[in-house]
């Protein structure tokens, strides 16, 4: 009898092993790890490279009238605080300067707007020759004439500070007219200085050239040149691509002073196809 029970146990064990073998199925496993969302950014930063005649630059040593780099109106990429695009003194008819603004909007394509305002336009004193050409200069509350005689042009530049063939002007005229223009569209859903309604591209460097002239400003575009030595490809060595003529300026602007502000604004372009610069209100910090 004992032998029979032992046999039954052995049979049972064999059945159990057979059942385990018949329940092994084919299988596979896939794992996705580190799934991430990262928000892009709009972080407007600006730098400026500036040139001017050396006798217009405050405290410039031994000026000769040459075009030189203007250190006090140039800066590296940053948020703007106390930086000035223009800070020039002792202007005479025929004086001029050139700058190139570098705009970085962050990782996202952006609509970009600008605005300018004049905060001080005044006759500082009234010299005899000024009074002959501008009798109103004796009015202590009157406006000066310098803003009417300072002419500007802005164009899409390739970063070499020179106005070249193939580059296009998008804004020009006297300072007084730029002040009254209101919001300046660089790119919005209706128009862009890049054509059509093209936003300013993210993760790139975008350049705007600008020139000022105390007198009549005439374009004289230079041939496009991709110089392997950037230090040679600049307005000191090549010229600005413009001609400034102060021949027809009279004495009305003598001693006059103009002070103003520039403001830039950027807003994401994607999913924002109705944005217009005309609907943006500059904040104008006090």
Protein backbone atom coordinates (compact mmCIF):
# COMPACT_ATOMS: atom_id res chain seq x y z
CA UNK A 1 0.00 0.00 0.00
CA UNK A 2 2.80 2.37 0.81
CA UNK A 3 4.32 1.70 -2.58
CA UNK A 4 1.06 2.64 -4.29
CA UNK A 5 0.84 6.05 -2.51
CA UNK A 6 4.38 6.84 -3.45
CA UNK A 7 3.56 6.17 -7.07
CA UNK A 8 0.55 8.48 -6.91
CA UNK A 9 2.68 11.28 -5.50
CA UNK A 10 5.19 10.85 -8.28
CA UNK A 11 2.42 10.98 -10.85
CA UNK A 12 1.06 14.13 -9.27
CA UNK A 13 4.46 15.77 -9.41
CA UNK A 14 4.80 14.95 -13.06
CA UNK A 15 1.39 16.44 -13.84
CA UNK A 16 2.35 19.67 -12.10
CA UNK A 17 5.53 20.02 -14.12
CA UNK A 18 3.64 19.43 -17.34
CA UNK A 19 1.13 22.23 -16.51
CA UNK A 20 3.91 24.76 -15.82
CA UNK A 21 5.48 24.07 -19.19
CA UNK A 22 2.25 24.66 -21.11
CA UNK A 23 1.70 28.19 -19.58
CA UNK A 24 4.98 29.86 -20.92
CA UNK A 25 3.80 32.46 -23.60
CA UNK A 26 5.87 34.57 -26.04
CA UNK A 27 6.18 38.22 -24.78
CA UNK A 28 7.88 41.61 -25.37
CA UNK A 29 8.30 44.80 -23.39
CA UNK A 30 9.06 48.40 -24.54
CA UNK A 31 9.79 51.37 -22.24
CA UNK A 32 9.80 55.10 -23.06
CA UNK A 33 11.75 57.08 -20.47
CA UNK A 34 12.51 60.73 -19.89
CA UNK A 35 9.46 62.17 -21.69
CA UNK A 36 9.84 65.97 -21.50
CA UNK A 37 8.12 69.22 -22.35
CA UNK A 38 10.37 72.32 -22.60
CA UNK A 39 8.93 75.77 -23.17
CA UNK A 40 10.67 78.04 -25.67
CA UNK A 41 11.45 81.61 -24.79
CA UNK A 42 11.08 85.17 -25.98
CA UNK A 43 13.95 87.07 -24.40
CA UNK A 44 14.73 90.22 -26.36
CA UNK A 45 18.37 91.25 -26.13
CA UNK A 46 20.20 93.89 -28.15
CA UNK A 47 23.77 94.88 -28.87
CA UNK A 48 25.09 97.82 -30.87
CA UNK A 49 28.23 98.56 -32.90
CA UNK A 50 28.68 102.28 -33.47
CA UNK A 51 30.94 104.52 -35.57
CA UNK A 52 31.08 108.33 -35.70
CA UNK A 53 33.42 111.17 -36.61
CA UNK A 54 35.89 111.46 -33.75
CA UNK A 55 35.18 115.11 -32.96
CA UNK A 56 31.55 114.21 -32.22
CA UNK A 57 32.56 111.75 -29.48
CA UNK A 58 32.80 113.29 -26.01
CA UNK A 59 36.35 113.44 -24.60
CA UNK A 60 37.88 111.76 -27.67
CA UNK A 61 41.64 112.44 -27.56
CA UNK A 62 43.16 114.51 -30.40
CA UNK A 63 40.23 114.35 -32.85
CA UNK A 64 41.02 114.72 -36.56
CA UNK A 65 37.59 114.28 -38.13
CA UNK A 66 38.12 110.59 -38.95
CA UNK A 67 35.41 107.95 -38.70
CA UNK A 68 36.20 105.82 -35.64
CA UNK A 69 34.56 103.24 -33.41
CA UNK A 70 32.39 104.96 -30.82
CA UNK A 71 32.87 103.07 -27.56
CA UNK A 72 30.31 105.01 -25.53
CA UNK A 73 27.54 104.08 -27.98
CA UNK A 74 28.59 100.44 -28.49
CA UNK A 75 27.86 97.50 -26.18
CA UNK A 76 27.69 93.71 -26.12
CA UNK A 77 24.48 91.69 -26.14
CA UNK A 78 22.31 92.52 -23.12
CA UNK A 79 19.03 93.83 -21.75
CA UNK A 80 18.95 97.60 -22.17
CA UNK A 81 19.22 99.81 -19.10
CA UNK A 82 21.34 102.94 -19.51
CA UNK A 83 22.72 102.23 -23.01
CA UNK A 84 22.45 104.98 -25.64
CA UNK A 85 22.38 104.53 -29.41
CA UNK A 86 23.27 108.21 -29.85
CA UNK A 87 25.39 110.39 -27.55
CA UNK A 88 27.20 112.93 -29.69
CA UNK A 89 28.20 116.55 -29.13
CA UNK A 90 29.46 119.56 -31.09
CA UNK A 91 27.64 118.56 -34.27
CA UNK A 92 28.37 120.54 -37.43
CA UNK A 93 26.63 120.32 -40.82
CA UNK A 94 27.99 117.31 -42.71
CA UNK A 95 28.69 115.22 -39.59
CA UNK A 96 27.44 111.64 -39.63
CA UNK A 97 27.60 108.30 -37.85
CA UNK A 98 26.70 104.67 -38.52
CA UNK A 99 25.48 101.90 -36.23
CA UNK A 100 24.39 98.30 -36.58
CA UNK A 101 21.88 96.93 -34.09
CA UNK A 102 21.96 93.20 -33.41
CA UNK A 103 18.60 91.82 -32.26
CA UNK A 104 18.14 88.43 -30.57
CA UNK A 105 14.57 87.37 -29.80
CA UNK A 106 15.23 84.05 -28.05
CA UNK A 107 14.45 80.53 -29.24
CA UNK A 108 11.06 81.33 -30.81
CA UNK A 109 10.24 83.23 -33.98
CA UNK A 110 8.84 86.60 -32.95
CA UNK A 111 6.94 89.64 -34.08
CA UNK A 112 9.09 92.70 -33.32
CA UNK A 113 8.13 96.37 -33.08
CA UNK A 114 9.98 99.59 -32.32
CA UNK A 115 9.06 103.14 -31.40
CA UNK A 116 10.86 106.47 -31.00
CA UNK A 117 9.98 109.59 -29.09
CA UNK A 118 11.64 112.97 -28.65
CA UNK A 119 11.73 114.07 -25.03
CA UNK A 120 13.65 117.34 -25.44
CA UNK A 121 13.72 119.52 -28.56
CA UNK A 122 14.99 122.93 -27.61
CA UNK A 123 16.99 126.03 -28.49
CA UNK A 124 19.65 126.09 -25.78
CA UNK A 125 20.73 129.64 -26.53
CA UNK A 126 20.22 132.10 -29.37
CA UNK A 127 23.38 133.26 -31.10
CA UNK A 128 23.30 136.18 -33.53
CA UNK A 129 23.67 134.04 -36.69
CA UNK A 130 21.05 131.63 -35.35
CA UNK A 131 18.65 134.48 -34.74
CA UNK A 132 19.12 135.69 -38.32
CA UNK A 133 17.97 132.31 -39.71
CA UNK A 134 15.57 131.45 -36.88
CA UNK A 135 13.98 134.52 -35.27
CA UNK A 136 11.86 132.24 -33.04
CA UNK A 137 14.95 131.05 -31.15
CA UNK A 138 14.43 133.91 -28.67
CA UNK A 139 11.29 132.10 -27.42
CA UNK A 140 12.37 130.17 -24.27
CA UNK A 141 9.53 127.70 -24.83
CA UNK A 142 10.15 127.22 -28.54
CA UNK A 143 11.33 124.05 -30.23
CA UNK A 144 14.73 123.64 -31.84
CA UNK A 145 15.41 122.88 -35.48
CA UNK A 146 18.08 120.21 -35.09
CA UNK A 147 15.55 117.36 -35.31
CA UNK A 148 14.44 118.64 -38.73
CA UNK A 149 18.03 118.68 -40.02
CA UNK A 150 19.14 115.28 -38.67
CA UNK A 151 18.27 112.69 -41.31
CA UNK A 152 18.20 108.95 -40.70
CA UNK A 153 17.99 105.72 -42.67
CA UNK A 154 17.45 102.17 -41.39
CA UNK A 155 18.04 99.02 -43.43
CA UNK A 156 18.27 95.24 -43.08
CA UNK A 157 22.01 94.62 -42.78
CA UNK A 158 24.18 91.50 -42.96
CA UNK A 159 26.18 92.55 -39.91
CA UNK A 160 29.13 94.39 -41.46
CA UNK A 161 27.88 97.95 -40.79
CA UNK A 162 27.98 98.80 -44.50
CA UNK A 163 25.00 99.55 -46.78
CA UNK A 164 25.53 97.17 -49.70
CA UNK A 165 23.85 96.25 -52.97
CA UNK A 166 20.95 93.90 -52.24
CA UNK A 167 20.14 95.42 -48.84
CA UNK A 168 16.95 97.44 -48.54
CA UNK A 169 15.95 100.54 -46.57
CA UNK A 170 12.74 100.20 -44.58
CA UNK A 171 12.64 103.58 -42.80
CA UNK A 172 14.17 106.96 -43.60
CA UNK A 173 13.62 110.66 -43.05
CA UNK A 174 14.27 113.43 -40.53
CA UNK A 175 14.32 112.69 -36.81
CA UNK A 176 11.23 114.84 -36.37
CA UNK A 177 9.29 112.54 -38.70
CA UNK A 178 10.44 109.33 -37.04
CA UNK A 179 9.24 110.72 -33.71
CA UNK A 180 5.72 111.33 -35.06
CA UNK A 181 5.46 107.99 -36.87
CA UNK A 182 4.40 106.04 -33.80
CA UNK A 183 4.94 102.30 -33.71
CA UNK A 184 7.46 101.04 -36.26
CA UNK A 185 6.73 97.59 -37.63
CA UNK A 186 9.78 95.40 -38.01
CA UNK A 187 7.64 92.27 -38.31
CA UNK A 188 3.99 91.58 -37.54
CA UNK A 189 1.14 89.52 -38.98
CA UNK A 190 0.49 92.10 -41.72
CA UNK A 191 4.00 93.08 -42.90
CA UNK A 192 7.68 92.52 -42.26
CA UNK A 193 10.97 94.08 -43.26
CA UNK A 194 11.92 90.54 -44.30
CA UNK A 195 9.05 90.43 -46.77
CA UNK A 196 5.40 89.32 -46.57
CA UNK A 197 4.55 88.63 -42.92
CA UNK A 198 7.78 86.86 -42.02
CA UNK A 199 8.62 86.90 -38.29
CA UNK A 200 12.09 87.61 -36.98
CA UNK A 201 13.61 84.11 -36.71
CA UNK A 202 14.52 82.66 -33.34
CA UNK A 203 17.96 81.33 -32.47
CA UNK A 204 19.56 83.65 -35.03
CA UNK A 205 21.27 87.03 -35.08
CA UNK A 206 19.26 89.69 -36.91
CA UNK A 207 20.91 92.97 -37.94
CA UNK A 208 19.55 96.45 -38.58
CA UNK A 209 21.89 99.09 -39.97
CA UNK A 210 21.22 102.76 -39.29
CA UNK A 211 22.93 105.99 -40.27
CA UNK A 212 22.42 109.59 -39.17
CA UNK A 213 23.48 112.70 -41.05
CA UNK A 214 23.40 116.37 -40.11
CA UNK A 215 22.38 117.35 -43.62
CA UNK A 216 21.12 115.66 -46.77
CA UNK A 217 21.56 111.88 -46.80
CA UNK A 218 22.02 110.02 -50.09
CA UNK A 219 22.44 106.29 -50.63
CA UNK A 220 25.65 105.20 -52.34
CA UNK A 221 25.48 101.42 -51.94
CA UNK A 222 28.73 99.51 -52.02
CA UNK A 223 29.23 96.09 -53.65
CA UNK A 224 28.36 93.13 -51.46
CA UNK A 225 31.52 91.69 -49.99
CA UNK A 226 31.94 88.69 -47.73
CA UNK A 227 35.36 89.48 -46.34
CA UNK A 228 37.05 86.63 -44.47
CA UNK A 229 38.58 89.26 -42.18
CA UNK A 230 35.61 90.97 -40.49
CA UNK A 231 37.89 93.53 -38.87
CA UNK A 232 38.56 94.91 -42.40
CA UNK A 233 34.95 94.75 -43.56
CA UNK A 234 33.63 97.83 -41.78
CA UNK A 235 32.80 101.47 -42.56
CA UNK A 236 36.23 102.70 -41.46
CA UNK A 237 37.91 100.76 -44.26
CA UNK A 238 35.12 100.64 -46.81
CA UNK A 239 32.86 103.62 -46.17
CA UNK A 240 29.26 103.50 -44.97
CA UNK A 241 27.48 103.22 -48.31
CA UNK A 242 26.00 106.69 -47.78
CA UNK A 243 26.88 110.31 -48.54
CA UNK A 244 26.17 113.10 -46.04
CA UNK A 245 26.04 116.64 -47.41
CA UNK A 246 25.70 119.57 -45.00
CA UNK A 247 26.02 122.28 -47.67
CA UNK A 248 22.44 123.46 -47.44
CA UNK A 249 22.16 123.59 -43.63
CA UNK A 250 21.85 127.15 -42.31
CA UNK A 251 22.41 128.51 -38.80
CA UNK A 252 18.91 127.80 -37.45
CA UNK A 253 20.05 124.65 -35.62
CA UNK A 254 23.01 126.27 -33.84
CA UNK A 255 23.19 125.33 -30.14
CA UNK A 256 19.98 123.24 -30.43
CA UNK A 257 19.59 120.05 -28.43
CA UNK A 258 17.56 116.90 -29.13
CA UNK A 259 17.04 114.05 -26.64
CA UNK A 260 14.95 110.98 -27.34
CA UNK A 261 14.11 107.38 -26.50
CA UNK A 262 13.98 104.15 -28.50
CA UNK A 263 11.94 101.15 -27.42
CA UNK A 264 11.72 97.62 -28.83
CA UNK A 265 9.06 94.96 -28.24
CA UNK A 266 8.92 91.25 -29.15
CA UNK A 267 6.01 88.80 -28.98
CA UNK A 268 5.84 85.17 -30.05
CA UNK A 269 4.70 84.60 -33.64
CA UNK A 270 3.47 81.01 -33.50
CA UNK A 271 -0.22 80.66 -32.64
CA UNK A 272 -0.44 84.45 -32.74
CA UNK A 273 -1.39 85.24 -36.33
CA UNK A 274 -3.38 88.39 -35.52
CA UNK A 275 -0.66 90.43 -33.80
CA UNK A 276 -0.13 93.98 -35.11
CA UNK A 277 2.45 96.49 -33.97
CA UNK A 278 -0.18 99.20 -34.23
CA UNK A 279 -1.96 97.57 -31.27
CA UNK A 280 1.18 97.67 -29.10
CA UNK A 281 1.52 100.64 -26.74
CA UNK A 282 5.13 101.56 -25.85
CA UNK A 283 5.67 101.71 -22.10
CA UNK A 284 8.12 104.67 -22.12
CA UNK A 285 9.77 104.42 -18.73
CA UNK A 286 9.84 107.70 -16.85
